[in-house]
C-alpha atoms as a PDB file:
ATOM      1  CA  MET A   1     113.054 -83.367  37.725  1.00  0.00           C
ATOM      2  CA  ALA A   2     116.842 -83.153  37.339  1.00  0.00           C
ATOM      3  CA  ARG A   3     118.346 -80.083  35.698  1.00  0.00           C
ATOM      4  CA  THR A   4     119.812 -80.738  32.286  1.00  0.00           C
ATOM      5  CA  ARG A   5     123.333 -79.543  31.586  1.00  0.00           C
ATOM      6  CA  ALA A   6     123.858 -76.720  29.135  1.00  0.00           C
ATOM      7  CA  SER A   7     125.399 -77.715  25.821  1.00  0.00           C
ATOM      8  CA  ASP A   8     128.491 -75.653  26.669  1.00  0.00           C
ATOM      9  CA  PHE A   9     128.855 -77.197  30.150  1.00  0.00           C
ATOM     10  CA  ALA A  10     132.279 -78.750  29.456  1.00  0.00           C
ATOM     11  CA  GLU A  11     133.623 -75.527  27.939  1.00  0.00           C
ATOM     12  CA  LYS A  12     132.368 -73.432  30.876  1.00  0.00           C
ATOM     13  CA  GLN A  13     133.871 -75.917  33.291  1.00  0.00           C
ATOM     14  CA  GLN A  14     137.259 -75.730  31.501  1.00  0.00           C
ATOM     15  CA  ASP A  15     137.158 -71.920  31.586  1.00  0.00           C
ATOM     16  CA  LEU A  16     136.341 -72.045  35.289  1.00  0.00           C
ATOM     17  CA  LEU A  17     139.250 -74.414  35.996  1.00  0.00           C
ATOM     18  CA  ARG A  18     141.672 -72.253  33.994  1.00  0.00           C
ATOM     19  CA  SER A  19     140.547 -69.137  35.845  1.00  0.00           C
ATOM     20  CA  ALA A  20     140.770 -70.863  39.231  1.00  0.00           C
ATOM     21  CA  ALA A  21     144.251 -72.178  38.435  1.00  0.00           C
ATOM     22  CA  ALA A  22     145.398 -68.638  37.617  1.00  0.00           C
ATOM     23  CA  VAL A  23     144.128 -67.303  40.954  1.00  0.00           C
ATOM     24  CA  ILE A  24     145.597 -70.162  43.006  1.00  0.00           C
ATOM     25  CA  ALA A  25     148.938 -69.964  41.181  1.00  0.00           C
ATOM     26  CA  GLU A  26     149.157 -66.201  41.765  1.00  0.00           C
ATOM     27  CA  GLN A  27     147.703 -65.919  45.272  1.00  0.00           C
ATOM     28  CA  GLY A  28     148.732 -69.245  46.744  1.00  0.00           C
ATOM     29  CA  MET A  29     146.378 -71.906  47.993  1.00  0.00           C
ATOM     30  CA  ASP A  30     145.627 -70.261  51.355  1.00  0.00           C
ATOM     31  CA  LYS A  31     144.856 -66.770  50.035  1.00  0.00           C
ATOM     32  CA  ALA A  32     142.826 -67.929  47.036  1.00  0.00           C
ATOM     33  CA  SER A  33     139.350 -68.009  48.533  1.00  0.00           C
ATOM     34  CA  MET A  34     136.363 -69.424  46.709  1.00  0.00           C
ATOM     35  CA  ALA A  35     134.902 -65.891  46.626  1.00  0.00           C
ATOM     36  CA  LEU A  36     138.067 -64.542  44.960  1.00  0.00           C
ATOM     37  CA  ILE A  37     138.091 -67.423  42.478  1.00  0.00           C
ATOM     38  CA  ALA A  38     134.412 -66.888  41.620  1.00  0.00           C
ATOM     39  CA  ASP A  39     134.981 -63.148  41.165  1.00  0.00           C
ATOM     40  CA  HIS A  40     137.985 -63.727  38.879  1.00  0.00           C
ATOM     41  CA  ALA A  41     135.996 -66.262  36.831  1.00  0.00           C
ATOM     42  CA  GLY A  42     133.030 -63.899  36.526  1.00  0.00           C
ATOM     43  CA  VAL A  43     130.603 -66.334  38.136  1.00  0.00           C
ATOM     44  CA  SER A  44     128.639 -66.315  41.357  1.00  0.00           C
ATOM     45  CA  LYS A  45     130.010 -68.063  44.405  1.00  0.00           C
ATOM     46  CA  ALA A  46     126.868 -70.206  44.380  1.00  0.00           C
ATOM     47  CA  LEU A  47     127.620 -71.385  40.833  1.00  0.00           C
ATOM     48  CA  LEU A  48     131.216 -72.178  41.762  1.00  0.00           C
ATOM     49  CA  TYR A  49     129.987 -74.260  44.704  1.00  0.00           C
ATOM     50  CA  HIS A  50     127.469 -75.922  42.368  1.00  0.00           C
ATOM     51  CA  TYR A  51     130.369 -77.258  40.307  1.00  0.00           C
ATOM     52  CA  TYR A  52     132.816 -77.805  43.184  1.00  0.00           C
ATOM     53  CA  PRO A  53     131.586 -78.236  46.772  1.00  0.00           C
ATOM     54  CA  GLY A  54     134.883 -77.081  48.267  1.00  0.00           C
ATOM     55  CA  LYS A  55     138.341 -75.804  47.450  1.00  0.00           C
ATOM     56  CA  ASP A  56     139.812 -79.307  47.673  1.00  0.00           C
ATOM     57  CA  ALA A  57     137.382 -80.518  44.988  1.00  0.00           C
ATOM     58  CA  LEU A  58     138.311 -77.553  42.795  1.00  0.00           C
ATOM     59  CA  ILE A  59     142.060 -78.087  43.235  1.00  0.00           C
ATOM     60  CA  PHE A  60     141.639 -81.800  42.569  1.00  0.00           C
ATOM     61  CA  ALA A  61     139.713 -81.056  39.351  1.00  0.00           C
ATOM     62  CA  ILE A  62     142.426 -78.620  38.172  1.00  0.00           C
ATOM     63  CA  ILE A  63     145.231 -81.112  38.740  1.00  0.00           C
ATOM     64  CA  GLU A  64     143.345 -84.177  37.499  1.00  0.00           C
ATOM     65  CA  THR A  65     142.264 -82.436  34.290  1.00  0.00           C
ATOM     66  CA  HIS A  66     145.818 -81.212  33.693  1.00  0.00           C
ATOM     67  CA  LEU A  67     147.396 -84.618  34.309  1.00  0.00           C
ATOM     68  CA  LEU A  68     144.888 -86.460  32.147  1.00  0.00           C
ATOM     69  CA  GLU A  69     145.515 -84.024  29.281  1.00  0.00           C
ATOM     70  CA  VAL A  70     149.271 -84.541  29.644  1.00  0.00           C
ATOM     71  CA  GLU A  71     148.835 -88.314  29.785  1.00  0.00           C
ATOM     72  CA  GLU A  72     146.650 -88.300  26.673  1.00  0.00           C
ATOM     73  CA  ALA A  73     149.213 -86.217  24.762  1.00  0.00           C
ATOM     74  CA  VAL A  74     152.102 -88.488  25.760  1.00  0.00           C
ATOM     75  CA  GLN A  75     150.134 -91.646  24.921  1.00  0.00           C
ATOM     76  CA  ALA A  76     149.261 -90.224  21.514  1.00  0.00           C
ATOM     77  CA  ALA A  77     152.956 -89.523  20.817  1.00  0.00           C
ATOM     78  CA  ASP A  78     154.202 -92.937  21.954  1.00  0.00           C
ATOM     79  CA  ASP A  79     155.301 -94.919  18.888  1.00  0.00           C
ATOM     80  CA  ALA A  80     156.656 -98.394  19.593  1.00  0.00           C
ATOM     81  CA  SER A  81     157.880 -98.672  15.994  1.00  0.00           C
ATOM     82  CA  LEU A  82     160.555 -96.023  16.615  1.00  0.00           C
ATOM     83  CA  ALA A  83     164.071 -96.744  17.835  1.00  0.00           C
ATOM     84  CA  ASP A  84     164.113 -96.231  21.607  1.00  0.00           C
ATOM     85  CA  PRO A  85     166.175 -92.983  21.607  1.00  0.00           C
ATOM     86  CA  GLU A  86     163.790 -91.364  19.105  1.00  0.00           C
ATOM     87  CA  ARG A  87     160.800 -92.786  20.963  1.00  0.00           C
ATOM     88  CA  LEU A  88     162.050 -91.146  24.171  1.00  0.00           C
ATOM     89  CA  ARG A  89     162.577 -87.864  22.314  1.00  0.00           C
ATOM     90  CA  LYS A  90     158.975 -87.986  21.086  1.00  0.00           C
ATOM     91  CA  LEU A  91     157.692 -88.590  24.621  1.00  0.00           C
ATOM     92  CA  VAL A  92     159.736 -85.689  25.998  1.00  0.00           C
ATOM     93  CA  GLY A  93     158.561 -83.406  23.187  1.00  0.00           C
ATOM     94  CA  ALA A  94     154.924 -84.372  23.731  1.00  0.00           C
ATOM     95  CA  LEU A  95     155.092 -83.715  27.458  1.00  0.00           C
ATOM     96  CA  LEU A  96     156.756 -80.321  27.027  1.00  0.00           C
ATOM     97  CA  GLU A  97     154.188 -79.382  24.385  1.00  0.00           C
ATOM     98  CA  ALA A  98     151.370 -80.448  26.714  1.00  0.00           C
ATOM     99  CA  TYR A  99     152.824 -78.059  29.298  1.00  0.00           C
ATOM    100  CA  ARG A 100     152.462 -75.129  26.851  1.00  0.00           C
ATOM    101  CA  GLY A 101     149.976 -72.637  28.276  1.00  0.00           C
ATOM    102  CA  ALA A 102     149.513 -74.727  31.430  1.00  0.00           C
ATOM    103  CA  ASP A 103     151.982 -73.030  33.795  1.00  0.00           C
ATOM    104  CA  ASN A 104     149.236 -72.146  36.285  1.00  0.00           C
ATOM    105  CA  GLU A 105     147.899 -75.694  36.351  1.00  0.00           C
ATOM    106  CA  HIS A 106     151.433 -76.984  36.745  1.00  0.00           C
ATOM    107  CA  ILE A 107     152.081 -74.647  39.684  1.00  0.00           C
ATOM    108  CA  VAL A 108     148.863 -75.827  41.342  1.00  0.00           C
ATOM    109  CA  GLN A 109     149.937 -79.431  40.794  1.00  0.00           C
ATOM    110  CA  LEU A 110     153.320 -78.825  42.411  1.00  0.00           C
ATOM    111  CA  ASN A 111     152.177 -76.645  45.315  1.00  0.00           C
ATOM    112  CA  ALA A 112     148.554 -77.309  46.273  1.00  0.00           C
ATOM    113  CA  LYS A 113     148.365 -81.054  46.821  1.00  0.00           C
ATOM    114  CA  ARG A 114     148.481 -80.606  50.589  1.00  0.00           C
ATOM    115  CA  ALA A 115     144.904 -79.295  50.399  1.00  0.00           C
ATOM    116  CA  LEU A 116     143.697 -82.638  49.080  1.00  0.00           C
ATOM    117  CA  THR A 117     142.426 -85.697  50.891  1.00  0.00           C
ATOM    118  CA  ALA A 118     144.517 -88.858  50.967  1.00  0.00           C
ATOM    119  CA  GLU A 119     142.060 -90.421  48.510  1.00  0.00           C
ATOM    120  CA  GLN A 120     142.381 -87.503  46.081  1.00  0.00           C
ATOM    121  CA  ARG A 121     146.184 -87.564  46.304  1.00  0.00           C
ATOM    122  CA  GLN A 122     146.184 -91.296  45.649  1.00  0.00           C
ATOM    123  CA  ALA A 123     144.005 -90.855  42.544  1.00  0.00           C
ATOM    124  CA  LEU A 124     146.449 -88.259  41.176  1.00  0.00           C
ATOM    125  CA  PHE A 125     149.418 -90.447  42.081  1.00  0.00           C
ATOM    126  CA  GLN A 126     147.994 -93.225  39.901  1.00  0.00           C
ATOM    127  CA  ILE A 127     147.945 -90.914  36.864  1.00  0.00           C
ATOM    128  CA  GLU A 128     151.458 -89.657  37.634  1.00  0.00           C
ATOM    129  CA  ARG A 129     152.691 -93.226  38.013  1.00  0.00           C
ATOM    130  CA  ARG A 130     151.292 -94.193  34.614  1.00  0.00           C
ATOM    131  CA  LEU A 131     153.112 -91.230  33.065  1.00  0.00           C
ATOM    132  CA  VAL A 132     156.385 -92.117  34.752  1.00  0.00           C
ATOM    133  CA  ARG A 133     156.068 -95.742  33.614  1.00  0.00           C
ATOM    134  CA  MET A 134     155.786 -94.704  29.960  1.00  0.00           C
ATOM    135  CA  PHE A 135     159.147 -92.948  30.222  1.00  0.00           C
ATOM    136  CA  SER A 136     160.895 -95.468  32.482  1.00  0.00           C
ATOM    137  CA  ALA A 137     159.971 -98.376  30.181  1.00  0.00           C
ATOM    138  CA  VAL A 138     161.798 -96.721  27.277  1.00  0.00           C
ATOM    139  CA  ILE A 139     164.760 -95.659  29.418  1.00  0.00           C
ATOM    140  CA  GLU A 140     165.115 -99.223  30.703  1.00  0.00           C
ATOM    141  CA  ARG A 141     165.264-100.537  27.146  1.00  0.00           C
ATOM    142  CA  ILE A 142     167.995 -98.005  26.373  1.00  0.00           C
ATOM    143  CA  ASN A 143     170.043 -99.137  29.383  1.00  0.00           C
ATOM    144  CA  PRO A 144     168.809-102.420  30.935  1.00  0.00           C
ATOM    145  CA  GLN A 145     171.730-102.288  33.384  1.00  0.00           C
ATOM    146  CA  LEU A 146     169.887 -99.603  35.343  1.00  0.00           C
ATOM    147  CA  GLN A 147     167.997-102.426  37.030  1.00  0.00           C
ATOM    148  CA  ASP A 148     171.104-104.491  37.798  1.00  0.00           C
ATOM    149  CA  GLY A 149     172.391-104.177  41.340  1.00  0.00           C
ATOM    150  CA  LYS A 150     171.366-100.735  42.583  1.00  0.00           C
ATOM    151  CA  PRO A 151     167.851 -99.753  41.473  1.00  0.00           C
ATOM    152  CA  LEU A 152     168.805 -96.768  39.276  1.00  0.00           C
ATOM    153  CA  LEU A 153     165.942 -96.716  36.772  1.00  0.00           C
ATOM    154  CA  MET A 154     163.633 -94.605  38.928  1.00  0.00           C
ATOM    155  CA  PRO A 155     166.291 -92.002  39.890  1.00  0.00           C
ATOM    156  CA  VAL A 156     167.235 -91.587  36.211  1.00  0.00           C
ATOM    157  CA  THR A 157     163.585 -91.329  35.139  1.00  0.00           C
ATOM    158  CA  MET A 158     162.771 -88.822  37.864  1.00  0.00           C
ATOM    159  CA  SER A 159     165.854 -86.785  36.921  1.00  0.00           C
ATOM    160  CA  LEU A 160     164.341 -86.432  33.453  1.00  0.00           C
ATOM    161  CA  PHE A 161     161.025 -85.380  34.991  1.00  0.00           C
ATOM    162  CA  GLY A 162     162.909 -82.865  37.116  1.00  0.00           C
ATOM    163  CA  MET A 163     164.279 -81.260  33.958  1.00  0.00           C
ATOM    164  CA  MET A 164     160.832 -81.200  32.354  1.00  0.00           C
ATOM    165  CA  ASN A 165     158.721 -80.226  35.365  1.00  0.00           C
ATOM    166  CA  TRP A 166     160.735 -77.131  36.291  1.00  0.00           C
ATOM    167  CA  VAL A 167     161.026 -75.746  32.764  1.00  0.00           C
ATOM    168  CA  TYR A 168     158.159 -73.334  33.515  1.00  0.00           C
ATOM    169  CA  MET A 169     160.452 -71.492  35.946  1.00  0.00           C
ATOM    170  CA  TRP A 170     162.791 -70.228  33.243  1.00  0.00           C
ATOM    171  CA  PHE A 171     161.429 -70.997  29.782  1.00  0.00           C
ATOM    172  CA  LYS A 172     160.173 -67.998  27.794  1.00  0.00           C
ATOM    173  CA  GLU A 173     157.815 -68.477  24.852  1.00  0.00           C
ATOM    174  CA  GLY A 174     159.183 -66.677  21.807  1.00  0.00           C
ATOM    175  CA  GLY A 175     162.706 -66.713  23.216  1.00  0.00           C
ATOM    176  CA  PRO A 176     165.795 -68.041  21.443  1.00  0.00           C
ATOM    177  CA  LEU A 177     165.076 -71.603  22.609  1.00  0.00           C
ATOM    178  CA  THR A 178     161.939 -73.444  21.460  1.00  0.00           C
ATOM    179  CA  ARG A 179     160.217 -76.254  23.318  1.00  0.00           C
ATOM    180  CA  GLU A 180     161.456 -78.577  20.573  1.00  0.00           C
ATOM    181  CA  ASP A 181     165.033 -77.361  21.184  1.00  0.00           C
ATOM    182  CA  TYR A 182     164.721 -78.048  24.894  1.00  0.00           C
ATOM    183  CA  ALA A 183     163.198 -81.473  24.232  1.00  0.00           C
ATOM    184  CA  ASP A 184     166.347 -82.264  22.249  1.00  0.00           C
ATOM    185  CA  ILE A 185     168.588 -80.993  25.067  1.00  0.00           C
ATOM    186  CA  ALA A 186     166.796 -82.900  27.830  1.00  0.00           C
ATOM    187  CA  THR A 187     166.686 -86.097  25.785  1.00  0.00           C
ATOM    188  CA  THR A 188     170.366 -85.812  24.851  1.00  0.00           C
ATOM    189  CA  LEU A 189     171.362 -85.274  28.487  1.00  0.00           C
ATOM    190  CA  ILE A 190     169.530 -88.462  29.446  1.00  0.00           C
ATOM    191  CA  LEU A 191     170.665 -90.526  26.458  1.00  0.00           C
ATOM    192  CA  GLU A 192     174.302 -89.558  26.784  1.00  0.00           C
ATOM    193  CA  GLY A 193     174.388 -89.518  30.561  1.00  0.00           C
ATOM    194  CA  VAL A 194     172.510 -92.778  31.034  1.00  0.00           C
ATOM    195  CA  LYS A 195     175.315 -94.670  29.293  1.00  0.00           C
ATOM    196  CA  ALA A 196     177.650 -93.792  32.137  1.00  0.00           C
ATOM    197  CA  VAL A 197     175.229 -94.535  34.993  1.00  0.00           C
ATOM    198  CA  ARG A 198     176.147 -97.800  36.717  1.00  0.00           C
END
């Protein structure tokens, strides 16, 4: 007879992923052993392996969960009724808000993909590509000329992601600049700069 899952299974799994992300972000992928992760999470190594048969499965789950949460937040903020500049601002704000409290997961996403199989990396790439498309579609409407001649839409879109993805390196919660302030700055840099890109 199969074991039934506890009613708090999803919550325990989320706690485990958060704890594992903290260890991997601090120790690095190579030093963060499954034993160290289990100890930090306050669970047995056997239980950790019950959920995740190996470190690659654990890292994949951390990144996939993070990306899907970000994608859901951005989709929820996307409002086709808005003028394109304001629509882009909403997308930027939603993504930066989704990054709140997820620095460890973000670090794992940026630094630990090499531990994954080609199939796992491809699955994550599909989520990332969907996210990028949401932004690039709006940017293209703002400046359709980005697709004329040189293909400039992707470099402009990825420049925006560069501004957003590295914010964890310097942004301080409770500092003089809020996430909303930075969303305005990043959006303005793209909106004003994109006019001059040819």
